[in-house]
PDB file of N, CA and C in Angstrom:
ATOM      1  N   MET A   1       0.840  -1.166   0.000  1.00  0.00           N
ATOM      2  CA  MET A   1       0.000   0.000   0.000  1.00  0.00           C
ATOM      3  C   MET A   1       0.896   1.245   0.000  1.00  0.00           C
ATOM      4  N   VAL A   2       0.484   2.216  -0.772  1.00  0.00           N
ATOM      5  CA  VAL A   2       1.206   3.481  -0.828  1.00  0.00           C
ATOM      6  C   VAL A   2       0.260   4.587  -0.357  1.00  0.00           C
ATOM      7  N   GLN A   3       0.809   5.541   0.343  1.00  0.00           N
ATOM      8  CA  GLN A   3       0.023   6.670   0.834  1.00  0.00           C
ATOM      9  C   GLN A   3      -0.100   7.732  -0.258  1.00  0.00           C
ATOM     10  N   SER A   4      -1.213   8.415  -0.279  1.00  0.00           N
ATOM     11  CA  SER A   4      -1.445   9.460  -1.286  1.00  0.00           C
ATOM     12  C   SER A   4      -0.359  10.516  -1.276  1.00  0.00           C
ATOM     13  N   ASN A   5       0.104  10.898  -0.092  1.00  0.00           N
ATOM     14  CA  ASN A   5       1.133  11.927  -0.015  1.00  0.00           C
ATOM     15  C   ASN A   5       2.473  11.450  -0.582  1.00  0.00           C
ATOM     16  N   GLU A   6       2.742  10.150  -0.533  1.00  0.00           N
ATOM     17  CA  GLU A   6       3.955   9.599  -1.131  1.00  0.00           C
ATOM     18  C   GLU A   6       3.891   9.682  -2.652  1.00  0.00           C
ATOM     19  N   VAL A   7       2.733   9.399  -3.213  1.00  0.00           N
ATOM     20  CA  VAL A   7       2.540   9.491  -4.658  1.00  0.00           C
ATOM     21  C   VAL A   7       2.697  10.943  -5.091  1.00  0.00           C
ATOM     22  N   GLU A   8       2.066  11.834  -4.362  1.00  0.00           N
ATOM     23  CA  GLU A   8       2.157  13.257  -4.675  1.00  0.00           C
ATOM     24  C   GLU A   8       3.610  13.735  -4.609  1.00  0.00           C
ATOM     25  N   ALA A   9       4.337  13.335  -3.585  1.00  0.00           N
ATOM     26  CA  ALA A   9       5.734  13.741  -3.423  1.00  0.00           C
ATOM     27  C   ALA A   9       6.610  13.217  -4.556  1.00  0.00           C
ATOM     28  N   ALA A  10       6.393  11.980  -4.976  1.00  0.00           N
ATOM     29  CA  ALA A  10       7.182  11.400  -6.070  1.00  0.00           C
ATOM     30  C   ALA A  10       6.941  12.158  -7.371  1.00  0.00           C
ATOM     31  N   ILE A  11       5.697  12.517  -7.627  1.00  0.00           N
ATOM     32  CA  ILE A  11       5.377  13.260  -8.848  1.00  0.00           C
ATOM     33  C   ILE A  11       5.969  14.664  -8.786  1.00  0.00           C
ATOM     34  N   ARG A  12       5.855  15.312  -7.633  1.00  0.00           N
ATOM     35  CA  ARG A  12       6.399  16.668  -7.500  1.00  0.00           C
ATOM     36  C   ARG A  12       7.924  16.694  -7.547  1.00  0.00           C
ATOM     37  N   LEU A  13       8.549  15.604  -7.203  1.00  0.00           N
ATOM     38  CA  LEU A  13      10.005  15.529  -7.328  1.00  0.00           C
ATOM     39  C   LEU A  13      10.398  15.623  -8.802  1.00  0.00           C
ATOM     40  N   ALA A  14       9.642  14.949  -9.655  1.00  0.00           N
ATOM     41  CA  ALA A  14       9.913  14.970 -11.091  1.00  0.00           C
ATOM     42  C   ALA A  14       9.344  16.215 -11.775  1.00  0.00           C
ATOM     43  N   LEU A  15       8.216  16.705 -11.267  1.00  0.00           N
ATOM     44  CA  LEU A  15       7.520  17.851 -11.862  1.00  0.00           C
ATOM     45  C   LEU A  15       7.232  18.860 -10.742  1.00  0.00           C
ATOM     46  N   PRO A  16       8.211  19.673 -10.370  1.00  0.00           N
ATOM     47  CA  PRO A  16       8.087  20.534  -9.187  1.00  0.00           C
ATOM     48  C   PRO A  16       6.883  21.483  -9.183  1.00  0.00           C
ATOM     49  N   ASP A  17       6.416  21.906 -10.355  1.00  0.00           N
ATOM     50  CA  ASP A  17       5.289  22.848 -10.393  1.00  0.00           C
ATOM     51  C   ASP A  17       3.936  22.154 -10.410  1.00  0.00           C
ATOM     52  N   ALA A  18       3.934  20.838 -10.349  1.00  0.00           N
ATOM     53  CA  ALA A  18       2.697  20.068 -10.536  1.00  0.00           C
ATOM     54  C   ALA A  18       1.673  20.302  -9.439  1.00  0.00           C
ATOM     55  N   GLN A  19       0.426  20.369  -9.886  1.00  0.00           N
ATOM     56  CA  GLN A  19      -0.717  20.302  -8.984  1.00  0.00           C
ATOM     57  C   GLN A  19      -1.200  18.857  -9.073  1.00  0.00           C
ATOM     58  N   VAL A  20      -1.196  18.160  -7.961  1.00  0.00           N
ATOM     59  CA  VAL A  20      -1.467  16.726  -7.965  1.00  0.00           C
ATOM     60  C   VAL A  20      -2.658  16.415  -7.059  1.00  0.00           C
ATOM     61  N   THR A  21      -3.580  15.629  -7.593  1.00  0.00           N
ATOM     62  CA  THR A  21      -4.705  15.126  -6.816  1.00  0.00           C
ATOM     63  C   THR A  21      -4.678  13.606  -6.892  1.00  0.00           C
ATOM     64  N   VAL A  22      -4.700  12.967  -5.738  1.00  0.00           N
ATOM     65  CA  VAL A  22      -4.655  11.506  -5.676  1.00  0.00           C
ATOM     66  C   VAL A  22      -5.918  11.013  -4.977  1.00  0.00           C
ATOM     67  N   GLU A  23      -6.618  10.084  -5.615  1.00  0.00           N
ATOM     68  CA  GLU A  23      -7.815   9.485  -5.032  1.00  0.00           C
ATOM     69  C   GLU A  23      -7.622   7.974  -4.976  1.00  0.00           C
ATOM     70  N   ASP A  24      -7.825   7.415  -3.802  1.00  0.00           N
ATOM     71  CA  ASP A  24      -7.754   5.966  -3.599  1.00  0.00           C
ATOM     72  C   ASP A  24      -9.113   5.386  -3.998  1.00  0.00           C
ATOM     73  N   LEU A  25      -9.162   4.636  -5.082  1.00  0.00           N
ATOM     74  CA  LEU A  25     -10.429   4.172  -5.633  1.00  0.00           C
ATOM     75  C   LEU A  25     -11.075   3.030  -4.862  1.00  0.00           C
ATOM     76  N   LYS A  26     -10.269   2.188  -4.214  1.00  0.00           N
ATOM     77  CA  LYS A  26     -10.829   1.018  -3.531  1.00  0.00           C
ATOM     78  C   LYS A  26     -10.528   0.971  -2.042  1.00  0.00           C
ATOM     79  N   GLY A  27      -9.801   1.951  -1.535  1.00  0.00           N
ATOM     80  CA  GLY A  27      -9.501   1.988  -0.108  1.00  0.00           C
ATOM     81  C   GLY A  27      -8.302   1.176   0.325  1.00  0.00           C
ATOM     82  N   GLY A  28      -7.668   0.484  -0.607  1.00  0.00           N
ATOM     83  CA  GLY A  28      -6.510  -0.338  -0.263  1.00  0.00           C
ATOM     84  C   GLY A  28      -5.182   0.299  -0.595  1.00  0.00           C
ATOM     85  N   GLY A  29      -5.208   1.480  -1.224  1.00  0.00           N
ATOM     86  CA  GLY A  29      -3.986   2.195  -1.541  1.00  0.00           C
ATOM     87  C   GLY A  29      -3.266   1.710  -2.775  1.00  0.00           C
ATOM     88  N   ASP A  30      -3.826   0.741  -3.500  1.00  0.00           N
ATOM     89  CA  ASP A  30      -3.130   0.232  -4.684  1.00  0.00           C
ATOM     90  C   ASP A  30      -3.874   0.485  -5.996  1.00  0.00           C
ATOM     91  N   HIS A  31      -5.102   0.991  -5.919  1.00  0.00           N
ATOM     92  CA  HIS A  31      -5.875   1.382  -7.101  1.00  0.00           C
ATOM     93  C   HIS A  31      -6.131   2.880  -6.987  1.00  0.00           C
ATOM     94  N   LEU A  32      -5.407   3.646  -7.792  1.00  0.00           N
ATOM     95  CA  LEU A  32      -5.420   5.095  -7.636  1.00  0.00           C
ATOM     96  C   LEU A  32      -5.903   5.811  -8.886  1.00  0.00           C
ATOM     97  N   GLN A  33      -6.540   6.943  -8.660  1.00  0.00           N
ATOM     98  CA  GLN A  33      -6.850   7.879  -9.731  1.00  0.00           C
ATOM     99  C   GLN A  33      -6.024   9.119  -9.426  1.00  0.00           C
ATOM    100  N   VAL A  34      -5.187   9.516 -10.389  1.00  0.00           N
ATOM    101  CA  VAL A  34      -4.285  10.640 -10.182  1.00  0.00           C
ATOM    102  C   VAL A  34      -4.504  11.667 -11.283  1.00  0.00           C
ATOM    103  N   LYS A  35      -4.637  12.929 -10.875  1.00  0.00           N
ATOM    104  CA  LYS A  35      -4.745  14.044 -11.807  1.00  0.00           C
ATOM    105  C   LYS A  35      -3.526  14.925 -11.594  1.00  0.00           C
ATOM    106  N   VAL A  36      -2.838  15.251 -12.699  1.00  0.00           N
ATOM    107  CA  VAL A  36      -1.632  16.061 -12.618  1.00  0.00           C
ATOM    108  C   VAL A  36      -1.748  17.214 -13.604  1.00  0.00           C
ATOM    109  N   ILE A  37      -1.531  18.424 -13.108  1.00  0.00           N
ATOM    110  CA  ILE A  37      -1.511  19.620 -13.948  1.00  0.00           C
ATOM    111  C   ILE A  37      -0.122  20.225 -13.823  1.00  0.00           C
ATOM    112  N   SER A  38       0.547  20.430 -14.972  1.00  0.00           N
ATOM    113  CA  SER A  38       1.916  20.943 -14.939  1.00  0.00           C
ATOM    114  C   SER A  38       2.241  21.692 -16.225  1.00  0.00           C
ATOM    115  N   ASN A  39       3.039  22.739 -16.093  1.00  0.00           N
ATOM    116  CA  ASN A  39       3.544  23.453 -17.265  1.00  0.00           C
ATOM    117  C   ASN A  39       4.490  22.581 -18.080  1.00  0.00           C
ATOM    118  N   ALA A  40       5.075  21.580 -17.450  1.00  0.00           N
ATOM    119  CA  ALA A  40       6.008  20.686 -18.145  1.00  0.00           C
ATOM    120  C   ALA A  40       5.323  19.909 -19.263  1.00  0.00           C
ATOM    121  N   PHE A  41       3.996  19.833 -19.242  1.00  0.00           N
ATOM    122  CA  PHE A  41       3.257  19.098 -20.262  1.00  0.00           C
ATOM    123  C   PHE A  41       3.011  19.917 -21.530  1.00  0.00           C
ATOM    124  N   ALA A  42       3.314  21.205 -21.493  1.00  0.00           N
ATOM    125  CA  ALA A  42       3.048  22.081 -22.640  1.00  0.00           C
ATOM    126  C   ALA A  42       3.745  21.558 -23.892  1.00  0.00           C
ATOM    127  N   GLY A  43       2.982  21.399 -24.956  1.00  0.00           N
ATOM    128  CA  GLY A  43       3.521  20.959 -26.232  1.00  0.00           C
ATOM    129  C   GLY A  43       3.747  19.462 -26.347  1.00  0.00           C
ATOM    130  N   LEU A  44       3.477  18.718 -25.289  1.00  0.00           N
ATOM    131  CA  LEU A  44       3.687  17.267 -25.319  1.00  0.00           C
ATOM    132  C   LEU A  44       2.381  16.549 -25.631  1.00  0.00           C
ATOM    133  N   SER A  45       2.493  15.416 -26.310  1.00  0.00           N
ATOM    134  CA  SER A  45       1.318  14.581 -26.541  1.00  0.00           C
ATOM    135  C   SER A  45       0.864  13.985 -25.214  1.00  0.00           C
ATOM    136  N   ARG A  46      -0.353  13.519 -25.169  1.00  0.00           N
ATOM    137  CA  ARG A  46      -0.896  12.897 -23.960  1.00  0.00           C
ATOM    138  C   ARG A  46      -0.017  11.711 -23.554  1.00  0.00           C
ATOM    139  N   ILE A  47       0.467  10.953 -24.523  1.00  0.00           N
ATOM    140  CA  ILE A  47       1.330   9.801 -24.224  1.00  0.00           C
ATOM    141  C   ILE A  47       2.604  10.255 -23.520  1.00  0.00           C
ATOM    142  N   HIS A  48       3.236  11.313 -24.023  1.00  0.00           N
ATOM    143  CA  HIS A  48       4.463  11.796 -23.395  1.00  0.00           C
ATOM    144  C   HIS A  48       4.199  12.389 -22.011  1.00  0.00           C
ATOM    145  N   GLN A  49       3.050  13.027 -21.840  1.00  0.00           N
ATOM    146  CA  GLN A  49       2.678  13.534 -20.522  1.00  0.00           C
ATOM    147  C   GLN A  49       2.578  12.378 -19.528  1.00  0.00           C
ATOM    148  N   HIS A  50       1.895  11.328 -19.941  1.00  0.00           N
ATOM    149  CA  HIS A  50       1.719  10.168 -19.067  1.00  0.00           C
ATOM    150  C   HIS A  50       3.052   9.487 -18.786  1.00  0.00           C
ATOM    151  N   GLN A  51       3.926   9.440 -19.775  1.00  0.00           N
ATOM    152  CA  GLN A  51       5.236   8.825 -19.573  1.00  0.00           C
ATOM    153  C   GLN A  51       6.040   9.561 -18.505  1.00  0.00           C
ATOM    154  N   LEU A  52       5.907  10.886 -18.443  1.00  0.00           N
ATOM    155  CA  LEU A  52       6.589  11.648 -17.400  1.00  0.00           C
ATOM    156  C   LEU A  52       6.095  11.238 -16.008  1.00  0.00           C
ATOM    157  N   VAL A  53       4.794  11.064 -15.882  1.00  0.00           N
ATOM    158  CA  VAL A  53       4.225  10.673 -14.584  1.00  0.00           C
ATOM    159  C   VAL A  53       4.593   9.222 -14.264  1.00  0.00           C
ATOM    160  N   TYR A  54       4.485   8.336 -15.246  1.00  0.00           N
ATOM    161  CA  TYR A  54       4.877   6.939 -15.012  1.00  0.00           C
ATOM    162  C   TYR A  54       6.342   6.858 -14.589  1.00  0.00           C
ATOM    163  N   GLY A  55       7.183   7.686 -15.194  1.00  0.00           N
ATOM    164  CA  GLY A  55       8.593   7.717 -14.824  1.00  0.00           C
ATOM    165  C   GLY A  55       8.794   8.128 -13.373  1.00  0.00           C
ATOM    166  N   ALA A  56       7.990   9.072 -12.920  1.00  0.00           N
ATOM    167  CA  ALA A  56       8.074   9.524 -11.529  1.00  0.00           C
ATOM    168  C   ALA A  56       7.636   8.436 -10.556  1.00  0.00           C
ATOM    169  N   LEU A  57       6.763   7.551 -11.014  1.00  0.00           N
ATOM    170  CA  LEU A  57       6.217   6.486 -10.156  1.00  0.00           C
ATOM    171  C   LEU A  57       6.754   5.101 -10.504  1.00  0.00           C
ATOM    172  N   LYS A  58       7.852   5.053 -11.262  1.00  0.00           N
ATOM    173  CA  LYS A  58       8.324   3.757 -11.770  1.00  0.00           C
ATOM    174  C   LYS A  58       8.635   2.752 -10.671  1.00  0.00           C
ATOM    175  N   GLU A  59       9.167   3.201  -9.548  1.00  0.00           N
ATOM    176  CA  GLU A  59       9.483   2.268  -8.470  1.00  0.00           C
ATOM    177  C   GLU A  59       8.209   1.661  -7.875  1.00  0.00           C
ATOM    178  N   GLN A  60       7.219   2.510  -7.617  1.00  0.00           N
ATOM    179  CA  GLN A  60       5.957   2.025  -7.048  1.00  0.00           C
ATOM    180  C   GLN A  60       5.220   1.108  -8.021  1.00  0.00           C
ATOM    181  N   LEU A  61       5.306   1.400  -9.302  1.00  0.00           N
ATOM    182  CA  LEU A  61       4.657   0.557 -10.305  1.00  0.00           C
ATOM    183  C   LEU A  61       5.406  -0.765 -10.478  1.00  0.00           C
ATOM    184  N   ALA A  62       6.738  -0.702 -10.492  1.00  0.00           N
ATOM    185  CA  ALA A  62       7.543  -1.919 -10.661  1.00  0.00           C
ATOM    186  C   ALA A  62       7.373  -2.869  -9.488  1.00  0.00           C
ATOM    187  N   ASN A  63       7.265  -2.318  -8.284  1.00  0.00           N
ATOM    188  CA  ASN A  63       7.093  -3.135  -7.079  1.00  0.00           C
ATOM    189  C   ASN A  63       5.641  -3.527  -6.845  1.00  0.00           C
ATOM    190  N   GLU A  64       4.768  -3.085  -7.737  1.00  0.00           N
ATOM    191  CA  GLU A  64       3.332  -3.333  -7.666  1.00  0.00           C
ATOM    192  C   GLU A  64       2.700  -2.812  -6.379  1.00  0.00           C
ATOM    193  N   VAL A  65       3.326  -1.790  -5.796  1.00  0.00           N
ATOM    194  CA  VAL A  65       2.699  -1.088  -4.685  1.00  0.00           C
ATOM    195  C   VAL A  65       1.466  -0.365  -5.227  1.00  0.00           C
ATOM    196  N   ILE A  66       1.611   0.134  -6.456  1.00  0.00           N
ATOM    197  CA  ILE A  66       0.459   0.660  -7.184  1.00  0.00           C
ATOM    198  C   ILE A  66       0.093  -0.402  -8.207  1.00  0.00           C
ATOM    199  N   HIS A  67      -1.084  -0.966  -8.066  1.00  0.00           N
ATOM    200  CA  HIS A  67      -1.525  -2.029  -8.960  1.00  0.00           C
ATOM    201  C   HIS A  67      -2.249  -1.468 -10.181  1.00  0.00           C
ATOM    202  N   ALA A  68      -3.065  -0.441  -9.974  1.00  0.00           N
ATOM    203  CA  ALA A  68      -3.822   0.171 -11.063  1.00  0.00           C
ATOM    204  C   ALA A  68      -3.753   1.681 -10.921  1.00  0.00           C
ATOM    205  N   LEU A  69      -3.549   2.361 -12.055  1.00  0.00           N
ATOM    206  CA  LEU A  69      -3.400   3.808 -12.044  1.00  0.00           C
ATOM    207  C   LEU A  69      -4.235   4.409 -13.159  1.00  0.00           C
ATOM    208  N   ALA A  70      -5.269   5.133 -12.785  1.00  0.00           N
ATOM    209  CA  ALA A  70      -6.070   5.906 -13.742  1.00  0.00           C
ATOM    210  C   ALA A  70      -5.459   7.304 -13.733  1.00  0.00           C
ATOM    211  N   LEU A  71      -4.963   7.749 -14.878  1.00  0.00           N
ATOM    212  CA  LEU A  71      -4.166   8.978 -14.930  1.00  0.00           C
ATOM    213  C   LEU A  71      -4.800  10.003 -15.850  1.00  0.00           C
ATOM    214  N   SER A  72      -4.849  11.233 -15.361  1.00  0.00           N
ATOM    215  CA  SER A  72      -5.332  12.366 -16.134  1.00  0.00           C
ATOM    216  C   SER A  72      -4.275  13.454 -16.045  1.00  0.00           C
ATOM    217  N   THR A  73      -3.858  13.996 -17.197  1.00  0.00           N
ATOM    218  CA  THR A  73      -2.845  15.052 -17.201  1.00  0.00           C
ATOM    219  C   THR A  73      -3.344  16.245 -18.009  1.00  0.00           C
ATOM    220  N   ALA A  74      -2.839  17.426 -17.653  1.00  0.00           N
ATOM    221  CA  ALA A  74      -3.226  18.642 -18.355  1.00  0.00           C
ATOM    222  C   ALA A  74      -2.224  19.744 -18.062  1.00  0.00           C
ATOM    223  N   THR A  75      -2.286  20.800 -18.876  1.00  0.00           N
ATOM    224  CA  THR A  75      -1.509  22.006 -18.593  1.00  0.00           C
ATOM    225  C   THR A  75      -2.433  23.006 -17.899  1.00  0.00           C
ATOM    226  N   PRO A  76      -1.869  23.935 -17.149  1.00  0.00           N
ATOM    227  CA  PRO A  76      -2.707  24.939 -16.478  1.00  0.00           C
ATOM    228  C   PRO A  76      -3.432  25.790 -17.519  1.00  0.00           C
ATOM    229  N   ASN A  77      -4.584  26.322 -17.143  1.00  0.00           N
ATOM    230  CA  ASN A  77      -5.338  27.198 -18.052  1.00  0.00           C
ATOM    231  C   ASN A  77      -4.708  28.540 -18.161  1.00  0.00           C
TER     232      ASN A  77
END
């Protein structure tokens, strides 16, 4: 199980300006919905945006601490 604040911290380490929202979908800490808003996504395809976030969480994903990740990314308005 991973804590929401740990996920947020890992993403902000890679994307310091990110606004991150983490929702635990099943209450077990391993099925998460994450929304990330960052200027770093400007000009990038959705795939590349997601790759940046997956890269920030690669350890948690590789260790299967995060089993399922629903991801939404965007640039600030």
